[in-house]
């Protein structure tokens, strides 16, 4: 992978909230078509990293490059137009809208032609197997399907890079298997993925490489089999000091 040009380059990011240093000098690269796992205990800085990459929060220091261009300081909707989309740890859907209307909001970020945007919506709904629920109000859906709506909306923006923040939390084992298959299918379409998950079976099944954060610091970066055996990772996360 080192011979490839990275699709995303994070350089020396720092972010504090009051006296709390949430991200400390964080640097890493992500390569085209890769599935990168991002793990660590609660409060390690995983979601904050996503916020900084997607433009939801501004870094105190450091830079983010996407496709060789600096995106630091850009608004989140501009970054989405550039090709980075995400889901959230706490589901964010428009509860007053139908499933289809929720997805249309995402599709219109890239496509201002309503007919073409609606075609994109139907294509994406088919991919995530939500077509039969397109006209239902989001409030009538199960947790699983609400998560699917948020994922589908992210996909409807035609992302090159997709940030998945705990899309499988709260799912039962059968639902997790279905979700793993869907993430693999999305990746096979050529979409690069960074995934945050606490379910280690998910990360080990999906990630080609894993980065581990602890107190905002990157403590490991390597293949899943290496991460599983890393003493520092075991101490901070896998072996349990703090609950993940």
C-alpha atoms as a PDB file:
ATOM      1  CA  UNK A   1       0.000   0.000   0.000  1.00  0.00           C
ATOM      2  CA  UNK A   2       2.932   2.340   0.597  1.00  0.00           C
ATOM      3  CA  UNK A   3       3.504   2.611  -3.197  1.00  0.00           C
ATOM      4  CA  UNK A   4       0.028   4.077  -3.650  1.00  0.00           C
ATOM      5  CA  UNK A   5      -0.869   7.708  -3.237  1.00  0.00           C
ATOM      6  CA  UNK A   6      -3.068   8.050  -0.140  1.00  0.00           C
ATOM      7  CA  UNK A   7      -6.659   9.157  -0.639  1.00  0.00           C
ATOM      8  CA  UNK A   8      -6.589  10.715   2.851  1.00  0.00           C
ATOM      9  CA  UNK A   9      -3.641  12.144   4.729  1.00  0.00           C
ATOM     10  CA  UNK A  10      -4.019  13.284   8.347  1.00  0.00           C
ATOM     11  CA  UNK A  11      -1.071  15.324   9.597  1.00  0.00           C
ATOM     12  CA  UNK A  12      -0.357  16.237  13.216  1.00  0.00           C
ATOM     13  CA  UNK A  13      -3.955  16.918  14.232  1.00  0.00           C
ATOM     14  CA  UNK A  14      -4.588  18.369  17.679  1.00  0.00           C
ATOM     15  CA  UNK A  15      -7.933  19.165  19.289  1.00  0.00           C
ATOM     16  CA  UNK A  16      -8.755  20.275  22.823  1.00  0.00           C
ATOM     17  CA  UNK A  17     -12.080  20.868  24.537  1.00  0.00           C
ATOM     18  CA  UNK A  18     -11.356  23.175  27.437  1.00  0.00           C
ATOM     19  CA  UNK A  19      -8.554  21.489  29.368  1.00  0.00           C
ATOM     20  CA  UNK A  20      -9.173  18.098  27.748  1.00  0.00           C
ATOM     21  CA  UNK A  21      -6.792  17.133  24.953  1.00  0.00           C
ATOM     22  CA  UNK A  22      -9.056  14.976  22.784  1.00  0.00           C
ATOM     23  CA  UNK A  23      -6.623  14.452  19.877  1.00  0.00           C
ATOM     24  CA  UNK A  24      -2.851  14.630  20.274  1.00  0.00           C
ATOM     25  CA  UNK A  25      -0.564  14.996  17.271  1.00  0.00           C
ATOM     26  CA  UNK A  26      -2.514  12.439  15.217  1.00  0.00           C
ATOM     27  CA  UNK A  27      -1.097  11.423  11.834  1.00  0.00           C
ATOM     28  CA  UNK A  28      -2.093   8.590   9.508  1.00  0.00           C
ATOM     29  CA  UNK A  29      -2.813   7.814   5.863  1.00  0.00           C
ATOM     30  CA  UNK A  30      -5.628   5.896   4.189  1.00  0.00           C
ATOM     31  CA  UNK A  31      -5.252   4.301   0.790  1.00  0.00           C
ATOM     32  CA  UNK A  32      -7.760   3.872  -2.067  1.00  0.00           C
ATOM     33  CA  UNK A  33     -10.226   0.972  -1.615  1.00  0.00           C
ATOM     34  CA  UNK A  34      -8.880   0.219   1.860  1.00  0.00           C
ATOM     35  CA  UNK A  35     -11.043  -0.669   4.861  1.00  0.00           C
ATOM     36  CA  UNK A  36      -9.313   0.894   7.851  1.00  0.00           C
ATOM     37  CA  UNK A  37     -10.479   0.063  11.357  1.00  0.00           C
ATOM     38  CA  UNK A  38     -10.264   2.756  14.036  1.00  0.00           C
ATOM     39  CA  UNK A  39     -10.538   1.390  17.568  1.00  0.00           C
ATOM     40  CA  UNK A  40      -9.877   2.399  21.154  1.00  0.00           C
ATOM     41  CA  UNK A  41     -11.551   2.756  24.542  1.00  0.00           C
ATOM     42  CA  UNK A  42     -14.382   5.186  25.217  1.00  0.00           C
ATOM     43  CA  UNK A  43     -13.037   8.723  25.041  1.00  0.00           C
ATOM     44  CA  UNK A  44     -10.054   7.711  22.901  1.00  0.00           C
ATOM     45  CA  UNK A  45     -10.885  10.310  20.236  1.00  0.00           C
ATOM     46  CA  UNK A  46     -12.404   8.165  17.485  1.00  0.00           C
ATOM     47  CA  UNK A  47     -15.551  10.201  16.814  1.00  0.00           C
ATOM     48  CA  UNK A  48     -13.596  13.437  17.288  1.00  0.00           C
ATOM     49  CA  UNK A  49     -11.223  12.252  14.552  1.00  0.00           C
ATOM     50  CA  UNK A  50     -14.216  11.788  12.255  1.00  0.00           C
ATOM     51  CA  UNK A  51     -15.481  15.260  13.204  1.00  0.00           C
ATOM     52  CA  UNK A  52     -12.137  16.813  12.248  1.00  0.00           C
ATOM     53  CA  UNK A  53     -11.877  14.920   8.949  1.00  0.00           C
ATOM     54  CA  UNK A  54     -15.468  15.692   7.916  1.00  0.00           C
ATOM     55  CA  UNK A  55     -15.333  19.362   8.909  1.00  0.00           C
ATOM     56  CA  UNK A  56     -17.828  19.158  11.749  1.00  0.00           C
ATOM     57  CA  UNK A  57     -15.122  20.396  14.143  1.00  0.00           C
ATOM     58  CA  UNK A  58     -12.100  22.573  13.473  1.00  0.00           C
ATOM     59  CA  UNK A  59      -8.681  21.273  14.484  1.00  0.00           C
ATOM     60  CA  UNK A  60      -6.544  23.455  16.752  1.00  0.00           C
ATOM     61  CA  UNK A  61      -3.464  22.415  14.794  1.00  0.00           C
ATOM     62  CA  UNK A  62      -2.609  20.127  11.907  1.00  0.00           C
ATOM     63  CA  UNK A  63      -3.982  19.440   8.448  1.00  0.00           C
ATOM     64  CA  UNK A  64      -6.113  16.993   6.475  1.00  0.00           C
ATOM     65  CA  UNK A  65      -5.541  16.305   2.778  1.00  0.00           C
ATOM     66  CA  UNK A  66      -8.033  14.492   0.555  1.00  0.00           C
ATOM     67  CA  UNK A  67      -6.994  13.412  -2.942  1.00  0.00           C
ATOM     68  CA  UNK A  68      -3.891  15.532  -2.570  1.00  0.00           C
ATOM     69  CA  UNK A  69      -5.790  18.711  -1.698  1.00  0.00           C
ATOM     70  CA  UNK A  70      -5.931  20.369   1.705  1.00  0.00           C
ATOM     71  CA  UNK A  71      -9.477  20.335   3.116  1.00  0.00           C
ATOM     72  CA  UNK A  72      -8.630  21.747   6.550  1.00  0.00           C
ATOM     73  CA  UNK A  73     -10.982  24.612   7.372  1.00  0.00           C
ATOM     74  CA  UNK A  74     -13.612  23.755   4.761  1.00  0.00           C
ATOM     75  CA  UNK A  75     -17.275  23.545   5.794  1.00  0.00           C
ATOM     76  CA  UNK A  76     -18.700  20.047   6.243  1.00  0.00           C
ATOM     77  CA  UNK A  77     -21.061  20.309   3.247  1.00  0.00           C
ATOM     78  CA  UNK A  78     -18.145  21.337   1.001  1.00  0.00           C
ATOM     79  CA  UNK A  79     -16.124  18.348   2.226  1.00  0.00           C
ATOM     80  CA  UNK A  80     -19.146  16.131   1.483  1.00  0.00           C
ATOM     81  CA  UNK A  81     -19.262  17.567  -2.043  1.00  0.00           C
ATOM     82  CA  UNK A  82     -15.554  16.743  -2.405  1.00  0.00           C
ATOM     83  CA  UNK A  83     -16.335  13.077  -1.679  1.00  0.00           C
ATOM     84  CA  UNK A  84     -16.224  12.354   2.074  1.00  0.00           C
ATOM     85  CA  UNK A  85     -19.418  11.184   3.757  1.00  0.00           C
ATOM     86  CA  UNK A  86     -20.141   9.775   7.200  1.00  0.00           C
ATOM     87  CA  UNK A  87     -22.586   8.268   9.638  1.00  0.00           C
ATOM     88  CA  UNK A  88     -22.861   9.212  13.310  1.00  0.00           C
ATOM     89  CA  UNK A  89     -22.563   7.328  16.579  1.00  0.00           C
ATOM     90  CA  UNK A  90     -25.996   8.673  17.549  1.00  0.00           C
ATOM     91  CA  UNK A  91     -28.303   8.239  14.568  1.00  0.00           C
ATOM     92  CA  UNK A  92     -29.124  11.486  12.770  1.00  0.00           C
ATOM     93  CA  UNK A  93     -32.180  11.170  10.558  1.00  0.00           C
ATOM     94  CA  UNK A  94     -34.961  13.605   9.682  1.00  0.00           C
ATOM     95  CA  UNK A  95     -37.840  12.173  11.689  1.00  0.00           C
ATOM     96  CA  UNK A  96     -40.495  14.276   9.939  1.00  0.00           C
ATOM     97  CA  UNK A  97     -39.578  12.759   6.566  1.00  0.00           C
ATOM     98  CA  UNK A  98     -40.018   9.451   4.795  1.00  0.00           C
ATOM     99  CA  UNK A  99     -37.134   7.105   4.077  1.00  0.00           C
ATOM    100  CA  UNK A 100     -36.916   8.283   0.472  1.00  0.00           C
ATOM    101  CA  UNK A 101     -36.967  11.963   1.472  1.00  0.00           C
ATOM    102  CA  UNK A 102     -34.109  11.372   3.923  1.00  0.00           C
ATOM    103  CA  UNK A 103     -31.986   9.807   1.195  1.00  0.00           C
ATOM    104  CA  UNK A 104     -32.871  12.562  -1.279  1.00  0.00           C
ATOM    105  CA  UNK A 105     -31.282  15.127   1.050  1.00  0.00           C
ATOM    106  CA  UNK A 106     -27.963  13.334   0.592  1.00  0.00           C
ATOM    107  CA  UNK A 107     -28.316  12.838  -3.163  1.00  0.00           C
ATOM    108  CA  UNK A 108     -28.948  16.550  -3.737  1.00  0.00           C
ATOM    109  CA  UNK A 109     -25.510  17.407  -2.312  1.00  0.00           C
ATOM    110  CA  UNK A 110     -23.921  16.214  -5.550  1.00  0.00           C
ATOM    111  CA  UNK A 111     -26.790  16.328  -8.010  1.00  0.00           C
ATOM    112  CA  UNK A 112     -29.004  19.392  -8.354  1.00  0.00           C
ATOM    113  CA  UNK A 113     -31.166  17.809 -11.045  1.00  0.00           C
ATOM    114  CA  UNK A 114     -34.126  16.405  -9.102  1.00  0.00           C
ATOM    115  CA  UNK A 115     -34.825  13.585 -11.555  1.00  0.00           C
ATOM    116  CA  UNK A 116     -31.212  12.399 -11.515  1.00  0.00           C
ATOM    117  CA  UNK A 117     -31.085  12.743  -7.736  1.00  0.00           C
ATOM    118  CA  UNK A 118     -34.179  10.565  -7.409  1.00  0.00           C
ATOM    119  CA  UNK A 119     -32.574   7.971  -9.678  1.00  0.00           C
ATOM    120  CA  UNK A 120     -29.554   7.966  -7.357  1.00  0.00           C
ATOM    121  CA  UNK A 121     -31.876   7.536  -4.364  1.00  0.00           C
ATOM    122  CA  UNK A 122     -33.562   4.472  -5.877  1.00  0.00           C
ATOM    123  CA  UNK A 123     -30.207   2.960  -6.872  1.00  0.00           C
ATOM    124  CA  UNK A 124     -28.857   3.400  -3.342  1.00  0.00           C
ATOM    125  CA  UNK A 125     -32.026   2.123  -1.675  1.00  0.00           C
ATOM    126  CA  UNK A 126     -31.721  -1.036  -3.761  1.00  0.00           C
ATOM    127  CA  UNK A 127     -28.098  -1.481  -2.676  1.00  0.00           C
ATOM    128  CA  UNK A 128     -29.028  -1.314   1.022  1.00  0.00           C
ATOM    129  CA  UNK A 129     -32.266  -3.290   0.529  1.00  0.00           C
ATOM    130  CA  UNK A 130     -34.566  -0.515   1.728  1.00  0.00           C
ATOM    131  CA  UNK A 131     -36.561  -0.072  -1.495  1.00  0.00           C
ATOM    132  CA  UNK A 132     -39.688  -1.656  -0.059  1.00  0.00           C
ATOM    133  CA  UNK A 133     -39.679   0.845   2.826  1.00  0.00           C
ATOM    134  CA  UNK A 134     -38.993   3.992   0.820  1.00  0.00           C
ATOM    135  CA  UNK A 135     -42.378   5.595   1.493  1.00  0.00           C
ATOM    136  CA  UNK A 136     -42.517   4.821   5.215  1.00  0.00           C
ATOM    137  CA  UNK A 137     -41.986   7.549   7.812  1.00  0.00           C
ATOM    138  CA  UNK A 138     -38.602   7.130   9.496  1.00  0.00           C
ATOM    139  CA  UNK A 139     -40.355   7.135  12.895  1.00  0.00           C
ATOM    140  CA  UNK A 140     -41.968   3.789  12.042  1.00  0.00           C
ATOM    141  CA  UNK A 141     -38.635   2.024  11.479  1.00  0.00           C
ATOM    142  CA  UNK A 142     -36.652  -0.290  13.739  1.00  0.00           C
ATOM    143  CA  UNK A 143     -33.187   0.671  15.001  1.00  0.00           C
ATOM    144  CA  UNK A 144     -31.596  -1.496  12.313  1.00  0.00           C
ATOM    145  CA  UNK A 145     -33.498   0.214   9.528  1.00  0.00           C
ATOM    146  CA  UNK A 146     -32.854   3.709  10.901  1.00  0.00           C
ATOM    147  CA  UNK A 147     -29.155   2.913  10.819  1.00  0.00           C
ATOM    148  CA  UNK A 148     -29.621   1.728   7.241  1.00  0.00           C
ATOM    149  CA  UNK A 149     -31.337   4.994   6.341  1.00  0.00           C
ATOM    150  CA  UNK A 150     -28.389   6.993   7.651  1.00  0.00           C
ATOM    151  CA  UNK A 151     -25.934   4.749   5.801  1.00  0.00           C
ATOM    152  CA  UNK A 152     -27.998   4.949   2.612  1.00  0.00           C
ATOM    153  CA  UNK A 153     -28.122   8.744   2.841  1.00  0.00           C
ATOM    154  CA  UNK A 154     -24.322   8.822   3.213  1.00  0.00           C
ATOM    155  CA  UNK A 155     -23.964   6.580   0.150  1.00  0.00           C
ATOM    156  CA  UNK A 156     -26.351   8.714  -1.901  1.00  0.00           C
ATOM    157  CA  UNK A 157     -23.778  11.541  -1.815  1.00  0.00           C
ATOM    158  CA  UNK A 158     -21.547   9.371  -4.071  1.00  0.00           C
ATOM    159  CA  UNK A 159     -18.616   9.301  -1.617  1.00  0.00           C
ATOM    160  CA  UNK A 160     -15.093   8.201  -2.384  1.00  0.00           C
ATOM    161  CA  UNK A 161     -14.411   7.909   1.354  1.00  0.00           C
ATOM    162  CA  UNK A 162     -17.024   6.718   3.840  1.00  0.00           C
ATOM    163  CA  UNK A 163     -16.636   7.192   7.609  1.00  0.00           C
ATOM    164  CA  UNK A 164     -18.741   4.660   9.538  1.00  0.00           C
ATOM    165  CA  UNK A 165     -19.191   5.452  13.240  1.00  0.00           C
ATOM    166  CA  UNK A 166     -20.519   2.400  15.117  1.00  0.00           C
ATOM    167  CA  UNK A 167     -23.090   1.433  12.495  1.00  0.00           C
ATOM    168  CA  UNK A 168     -23.390  -2.020  14.094  1.00  0.00           C
ATOM    169  CA  UNK A 169     -23.898  -1.077  17.730  1.00  0.00           C
ATOM    170  CA  UNK A 170     -27.161  -2.445  19.095  1.00  0.00           C
ATOM    171  CA  UNK A 171     -27.499  -5.104  16.397  1.00  0.00           C
ATOM    172  CA  UNK A 172     -27.946  -8.795  17.143  1.00  0.00           C
ATOM    173  CA  UNK A 173     -25.486 -11.400  15.749  1.00  0.00           C
ATOM    174  CA  UNK A 174     -27.570 -12.135  12.642  1.00  0.00           C
ATOM    175  CA  UNK A 175     -28.001  -8.427  11.897  1.00  0.00           C
ATOM    176  CA  UNK A 176     -24.260  -7.901  12.353  1.00  0.00           C
ATOM    177  CA  UNK A 177     -23.497 -10.595   9.760  1.00  0.00           C
ATOM    178  CA  UNK A 178     -25.837  -8.883   7.275  1.00  0.00           C
ATOM    179  CA  UNK A 179     -24.232  -5.515   8.012  1.00  0.00           C
ATOM    180  CA  UNK A 180     -20.701  -6.913   7.542  1.00  0.00           C
ATOM    181  CA  UNK A 181     -21.732  -8.275   4.131  1.00  0.00           C
ATOM    182  CA  UNK A 182     -23.156  -4.862   3.171  1.00  0.00           C
ATOM    183  CA  UNK A 183     -19.971  -3.019   4.167  1.00  0.00           C
ATOM    184  CA  UNK A 184     -17.921  -5.479   2.087  1.00  0.00           C
ATOM    185  CA  UNK A 185     -20.251  -4.909  -0.875  1.00  0.00           C
ATOM    186  CA  UNK A 186     -19.864  -1.123  -0.531  1.00  0.00           C
ATOM    187  CA  UNK A 187     -16.074  -1.485  -0.448  1.00  0.00           C
ATOM    188  CA  UNK A 188     -16.152  -3.709  -3.551  1.00  0.00           C
ATOM    189  CA  UNK A 189     -17.810  -0.795  -5.380  1.00  0.00           C
ATOM    190  CA  UNK A 190     -14.525   1.067  -4.928  1.00  0.00           C
ATOM    191  CA  UNK A 191     -15.435   3.117  -1.861  1.00  0.00           C
ATOM    192  CA  UNK A 192     -12.697   3.542   0.745  1.00  0.00           C
ATOM    193  CA  UNK A 193     -13.933   3.039   4.314  1.00  0.00           C
ATOM    194  CA  UNK A 194     -12.820   4.009   7.797  1.00  0.00           C
ATOM    195  CA  UNK A 195     -14.887   2.151  10.371  1.00  0.00           C
ATOM    196  CA  UNK A 196     -15.170   2.742  14.109  1.00  0.00           C
ATOM    197  CA  UNK A 197     -16.590  -0.246  15.992  1.00  0.00           C
ATOM    198  CA  UNK A 198     -16.447  -1.676  19.502  1.00  0.00           C
ATOM    199  CA  UNK A 199     -17.432  -5.151  18.309  1.00  0.00           C
ATOM    200  CA  UNK A 200     -14.004  -6.679  17.707  1.00  0.00           C
ATOM    201  CA  UNK A 201     -15.427  -9.465  15.533  1.00  0.00           C
ATOM    202  CA  UNK A 202     -16.605  -6.776  13.114  1.00  0.00           C
ATOM    203  CA  UNK A 203     -13.247  -5.013  12.963  1.00  0.00           C
ATOM    204  CA  UNK A 204     -11.315  -8.262  12.563  1.00  0.00           C
ATOM    205  CA  UNK A 205     -13.699  -9.411   9.811  1.00  0.00           C
ATOM    206  CA  UNK A 206     -13.566  -6.188   7.815  1.00  0.00           C
ATOM    207  CA  UNK A 207     -10.392  -4.191   8.395  1.00  0.00           C
ATOM    208  CA  UNK A 208      -7.278  -4.730   6.318  1.00  0.00           C
ATOM    209  CA  UNK A 209      -5.456  -2.420   8.719  1.00  0.00           C
ATOM    210  CA  UNK A 210      -6.260  -1.122  12.197  1.00  0.00           C
ATOM    211  CA  UNK A 211      -5.291   2.083  13.996  1.00  0.00           C
ATOM    212  CA  UNK A 212      -5.634   2.160  17.779  1.00  0.00           C
ATOM    213  CA  UNK A 213      -6.192   5.389  19.713  1.00  0.00           C
ATOM    214  CA  UNK A 214      -5.815   5.874  23.454  1.00  0.00           C
ATOM    215  CA  UNK A 215      -6.413   9.270  25.087  1.00  0.00           C
ATOM    216  CA  UNK A 216      -6.233  10.862  21.635  1.00  0.00           C
ATOM    217  CA  UNK A 217      -2.833   9.315  20.831  1.00  0.00           C
ATOM    218  CA  UNK A 218      -2.186   6.751  18.090  1.00  0.00           C
ATOM    219  CA  UNK A 219      -0.592   3.808  19.909  1.00  0.00           C
ATOM    220  CA  UNK A 220      -0.641   1.225  17.100  1.00  0.00           C
ATOM    221  CA  UNK A 221      -1.099   0.959  13.336  1.00  0.00           C
ATOM    222  CA  UNK A 222      -0.934  -2.410  11.604  1.00  0.00           C
ATOM    223  CA  UNK A 223      -2.584  -5.541  10.276  1.00  0.00           C
ATOM    224  CA  UNK A 224      -5.325  -7.111  12.446  1.00  0.00           C
ATOM    225  CA  UNK A 225      -3.134 -10.060  13.471  1.00  0.00           C
ATOM    226  CA  UNK A 226      -0.405  -7.653  14.623  1.00  0.00           C
ATOM    227  CA  UNK A 227      -2.831  -5.462  16.548  1.00  0.00           C
ATOM    228  CA  UNK A 228      -4.344  -8.468  18.298  1.00  0.00           C
ATOM    229  CA  UNK A 229      -0.919  -9.358  19.759  1.00  0.00           C
ATOM    230  CA  UNK A 230       0.365  -5.839  20.501  1.00  0.00           C
ATOM    231  CA  UNK A 231       1.042  -5.597  24.284  1.00  0.00           C
ATOM    232  CA  UNK A 232       0.283  -1.870  24.378  1.00  0.00           C
ATOM    233  CA  UNK A 233      -3.070  -2.428  22.666  1.00  0.00           C
ATOM    234  CA  UNK A 234      -3.942  -5.324  24.959  1.00  0.00           C
ATOM    235  CA  UNK A 235      -3.208  -3.169  27.978  1.00  0.00           C
ATOM    236  CA  UNK A 236      -5.150  -0.130  26.722  1.00  0.00           C
ATOM    237  CA  UNK A 237      -8.093  -1.783  25.033  1.00  0.00           C
ATOM    238  CA  UNK A 238      -8.362  -5.468  24.215  1.00  0.00           C
ATOM    239  CA  UNK A 239      -7.328  -6.730  27.628  1.00  0.00           C
ATOM    240  CA  UNK A 240      -9.495  -4.217  29.379  1.00  0.00           C
ATOM    241  CA  UNK A 241      -8.345  -1.410  31.721  1.00  0.00           C
ATOM    242  CA  UNK A 242     -11.181   0.746  30.505  1.00  0.00           C
ATOM    243  CA  UNK A 243     -14.397  -0.529  29.031  1.00  0.00           C
ATOM    244  CA  UNK A 244     -14.582  -0.184  25.257  1.00  0.00           C
END
